[in-house]
Protein backbone atom coordinates (compact mmCIF):
# COMPACT_ATOMS: atom_id res chain seq x y z
CA MET A 1 6.79 -4.56 9.83
CA ALA A 2 9.02 -3.05 7.02
CA VAL A 3 7.75 0.32 7.39
CA GLY A 4 7.92 -0.02 11.39
CA ALA A 5 11.61 -1.02 11.15
CA ALA A 6 12.23 1.89 8.61
CA TRP A 7 10.64 4.48 11.17
CA LEU A 8 12.61 2.66 14.10
CA ILE A 9 15.93 3.06 12.31
CA VAL A 10 15.33 6.63 11.07
CA LEU A 11 14.28 7.77 14.49
CA GLY A 12 17.50 6.47 15.79
CA LEU A 13 19.76 8.11 13.17
CA ILE A 14 17.64 11.37 13.49
CA PHE A 15 18.48 11.38 17.27
CA LEU A 16 22.24 10.95 16.43
CA THR A 17 22.03 13.71 13.80
CA LEU A 18 20.39 16.21 16.00
CA ALA A 19 22.74 15.23 19.06
CA GLN A 20 25.69 15.65 16.73
CA GLY A 21 23.95 19.26 15.44
CA GLN A 22 24.00 20.23 19.20
CA LEU A 23 27.56 19.31 19.90
CA SER A 24 28.47 21.43 16.47
CA GLY A 25 26.85 24.63 17.45
CA ALA A 26 23.84 26.69 15.96
CA SER A 27 24.68 25.99 12.36
CA GLY A 28 24.99 22.18 13.16
CA ALA A 29 21.52 22.48 15.05
CA VAL A 30 20.23 24.33 11.94
CA TRP A 31 21.40 21.70 9.64
CA GLY A 32 19.95 18.86 12.10
CA ALA A 33 16.28 20.50 12.18
CA ALA A 34 16.38 20.92 8.58
CA THR A 35 16.97 17.17 8.11
CA LEU A 36 14.72 16.26 10.61
CA VAL A 37 11.98 18.31 8.54
CA GLY A 38 12.80 16.77 5.34
CA VAL A 39 13.11 13.00 6.44
CA LEU A 40 10.15 12.89 8.47
CA SER A 41 8.26 14.57 5.62
CA ALA A 42 9.29 12.00 3.32
CA LEU A 43 8.70 9.03 5.83
CA SER A 44 5.25 10.42 6.92
CA VAL A 45 4.05 10.91 3.42
CA GLY A 46 5.70 7.52 2.13
CA THR A 47 4.00 5.73 5.10
CA LEU A 48 0.63 7.04 4.38
CA LEU A 49 0.74 5.99 0.68
CA VAL A 50 2.18 2.78 1.47
CA ARG A 51 -0.76 2.02 3.96
CA ARG A 52 -3.60 3.20 1.69
CA LEU A 53 -2.32 2.44 -1.88
CA PRO A 54 0.88 -0.68 -1.12
CA HIS A 55 1.00 -1.11 -4.89
CA HIS A 56 2.00 2.27 -5.75
CA LEU A 57 5.35 2.92 -6.47
CA VAL A 58 5.64 6.61 -4.80
CA GLY A 59 4.94 5.59 -1.77
CA TRP A 60 7.71 3.00 -1.75
CA LEU A 61 10.06 5.64 -3.20
CA LEU A 62 9.58 7.90 -0.29
CA LEU A 63 10.35 5.33 2.09
CA ALA A 64 13.39 4.27 0.52
CA GLY A 65 14.49 7.73 -0.41
CA GLY A 66 13.69 9.10 3.31
CA LEU A 67 15.54 6.23 4.82
CA SER A 68 18.90 6.28 2.55
CA PHE A 69 19.10 9.87 3.31
CA ALA A 70 18.64 9.32 7.11
CA LEU A 71 21.30 6.76 6.84
CA THR A 72 23.63 9.25 5.23
CA VAL A 73 23.47 12.09 7.67
CA GLY A 74 22.93 9.80 10.87
CA GLY A 75 25.61 7.54 9.90
CA GLN A 76 27.98 10.41 9.63
CA GLY A 77 26.84 12.18 12.93
CA ALA A 78 27.20 8.83 14.53
CA ALA A 79 30.63 8.21 13.30
CA SER A 80 31.72 11.75 14.10
CA ASP A 81 30.46 11.08 17.56
CA GLY A 82 33.40 8.30 18.10
CA LEU A 83 30.82 5.55 18.88
CA PRO A 84 31.95 1.82 18.70
CA GLY A 85 31.89 0.63 15.19
CA GLY A 86 32.13 4.41 14.02
CA VAL A 87 34.17 3.52 10.82
CA TRP A 88 31.60 1.17 9.85
CA LEU A 89 28.80 3.73 10.32
CA ALA A 90 31.07 6.20 8.13
CA VAL A 91 31.11 3.74 5.52
CA LEU A 92 27.46 3.04 5.62
CA SER A 93 27.04 6.77 5.31
CA ALA A 94 29.12 7.37 2.33
CA ALA A 95 27.16 4.36 0.67
CA ALA A 96 23.88 5.73 1.26
CA VAL A 97 24.68 8.90 -0.91
CA GLY A 98 23.95 7.05 -4.05
CA PRO A 99 20.65 5.37 -3.30
CA TRP A 100 19.09 8.75 -2.07
CA LEU A 101 20.48 10.71 -4.83
CA GLY A 102 19.16 8.25 -7.33
CA ILE A 103 15.73 7.68 -5.78
CA LEU A 104 14.74 11.13 -4.81
CA GLY A 105 16.38 12.89 -7.36
CA GLY A 106 15.75 10.33 -10.48
CA PHE A 107 12.88 7.62 -9.80
CA LEU A 108 10.76 9.79 -7.55
CA LEU A 109 10.24 12.59 -10.09
CA LEU A 110 10.04 10.04 -12.91
CA TYR A 111 7.18 8.02 -11.50
CA PHE A 112 5.45 10.75 -9.65
CA PRO A 113 2.39 11.26 -9.25
CA THR A 114 0.90 8.17 -11.34
CA GLY A 115 3.61 5.49 -10.26
CA ARG A 116 4.16 5.18 -13.89
CA LEU A 117 6.33 6.66 -16.66
CA PRO A 118 4.98 9.44 -18.57
CA SER A 119 4.96 7.31 -21.76
CA PRO A 120 6.76 4.07 -22.80
CA ARG A 121 9.35 6.20 -24.60
CA TRP A 122 10.92 7.28 -21.27
CA TRP A 123 12.06 3.78 -20.57
CA PRO A 124 15.86 4.41 -20.80
CA VAL A 125 15.59 7.04 -18.16
CA PRO A 126 15.43 4.54 -15.19
CA LEU A 127 18.05 2.75 -16.47
CA ILE A 128 20.42 5.97 -16.38
CA ALA A 129 18.91 6.61 -12.74
CA ALA A 130 19.87 3.15 -11.85
CA GLY A 131 23.52 3.86 -12.46
CA PRO A 132 23.99 6.30 -9.53
CA THR A 133 21.83 4.17 -7.32
CA VAL A 134 24.21 1.15 -7.82
CA LEU A 135 27.25 2.35 -8.83
CA LEU A 136 27.95 5.17 -6.37
CA PRO A 137 27.25 2.98 -3.40
CA VAL A 138 29.59 0.21 -4.78
CA ALA A 139 32.25 2.89 -5.21
CA ALA A 140 31.96 4.04 -1.91
CA LEU A 141 31.87 0.74 -0.27
CA LEU A 142 35.38 0.13 -1.88
CA SER A 143 36.81 3.55 -1.78
CA PRO A 144 38.82 5.20 1.08
CA LEU A 145 36.71 7.55 3.36
CA ALA A 146 36.76 11.22 2.30
CA PRO A 147 39.52 13.35 4.30
CA GLY A 148 37.99 15.48 7.02
CA THR A 149 34.51 14.11 6.90
CA PHE A 150 34.77 11.47 9.46
CA PRO A 151 37.09 10.97 12.53
CA ALA A 152 40.62 11.55 12.21
CA GLY A 153 42.43 7.94 11.76
CA GLY A 154 39.44 6.24 10.52
CA ASP A 155 39.67 4.35 7.29
CA ASN A 156 37.62 2.18 5.31
CA PRO A 157 38.52 -1.41 5.85
CA LEU A 158 37.05 -2.69 2.59
CA ALA A 159 38.88 0.10 0.41
CA LEU A 160 40.43 -1.32 -2.32
CA GLY A 161 43.94 -0.42 -3.89
CA GLY A 162 45.96 -1.01 -7.04
CA ALA A 163 43.85 -2.06 -10.11
CA GLY A 164 40.78 -2.52 -7.67
CA GLY A 165 41.18 1.05 -6.78
CA GLN A 166 41.39 2.20 -10.20
CA LEU A 167 38.25 -0.01 -11.07
CA VAL A 168 36.33 1.68 -8.24
CA SER A 169 37.60 5.47 -9.45
CA VAL A 170 35.79 4.26 -12.80
CA LEU A 171 32.64 3.36 -11.04
CA ALA A 172 32.71 6.55 -9.41
CA ALA A 173 33.53 8.70 -12.57
CA VAL A 174 30.76 7.08 -14.40
CA GLY A 175 28.35 7.26 -11.53
CA ASN A 176 28.44 10.99 -10.79
CA PRO A 177 27.83 12.44 -14.16
CA LEU A 178 24.91 9.88 -14.74
CA SER A 179 23.30 11.32 -11.54
CA LEU A 180 23.34 14.72 -13.18
CA VAL A 181 21.91 13.21 -16.21
CA ALA A 182 19.17 11.32 -14.50
CA LEU A 183 18.20 14.50 -12.49
CA LEU A 184 17.83 16.60 -15.76
CA LEU A 185 15.85 13.75 -17.47
CA ALA A 186 13.79 13.24 -14.43
CA VAL A 187 12.97 17.03 -14.18
CA ALA A 188 12.21 17.07 -17.83
CA SER A 189 10.00 14.10 -17.53
CA LEU A 190 7.98 16.02 -14.72
CA VAL A 191 7.70 19.09 -16.82
CA VAL A 192 6.17 17.16 -19.68
CA ARG A 193 3.63 15.14 -17.41
CA THR A 194 2.45 18.24 -15.75
CA GLY A 195 2.27 20.28 -18.89
CA ALA A 196 0.22 17.88 -20.97
CA PRO A 197 -3.15 17.08 -20.46
CA TRP A 198 -3.98 13.69 -18.57
CA GLY A 199 -4.52 10.96 -21.35
CA PRO A 200 -6.89 7.98 -21.06
CA SER A 201 -4.01 6.01 -20.09
CA GLU A 202 -3.39 7.76 -16.70
CA PRO A 203 -4.92 5.82 -13.61
CA SER A 204 -8.04 7.08 -12.10
CA SER A 205 -7.76 9.68 -9.66
CA SER A 206 -9.21 7.26 -6.86
CA GLY A 207 -5.81 5.48 -7.07
CA SER A 208 -3.53 8.25 -7.22
CA PRO A 209 -1.26 9.57 -3.90
CA SER A 210 -2.92 13.12 -3.92
CA SER A 211 -6.47 11.19 -3.46
CA ALA A 212 -5.08 9.17 -1.03
CA LEU A 213 -3.94 12.30 1.01
CA SER A 214 -7.26 14.19 0.52
CA ARG A 215 -8.97 10.94 1.88
CA SER A 216 -6.75 11.17 4.96
CA ARG A 217 -7.37 14.89 5.73
CA ARG A 218 -11.17 14.33 5.51
CA CYS A 219 -10.76 11.26 7.94
């Protein structure tokens, strides 16, 4: 049920993205097509893994990352089209940036391909990756919309001013560098994992995403 709902949401958002790309000319169409390929790839692989290995974290990360990325680009396209409720779509689009950065640029690299960390010593890295995944959406929900990104005259009804606005700025100032740190550490974990021999603590190949994909190709 959850996977089917995610697909319906993503397909609707992709349609809006492609429509906006056509209205924006050739460059917009190319961006829309690239978005289509990336989102559908993440959703397709994630769906396959969730169905075959429902307890494996990688499949769910791909689904969540693909959905949040589709919300980012699709919400922006829908808001730019001037649809009813476009301001709220713009706010949702801005808030979805942090989750897909944290999920695809942090958690996915950390837990790929086994669904577990390379070793228990890497436990602080998921906490760092959780920073932008949580702080950036909160900051986006409570900040003014970026000028020139969304329709003229649109502003975030939830934006805070005064001391609240300053606190939101602090959240963004903390979340942005954390996203870079999380990305670098996640890439390092992937290098360490792929450069080291598989130890006895790694799960068997029968329960890995690669084996699930291999079985699907044989079917």
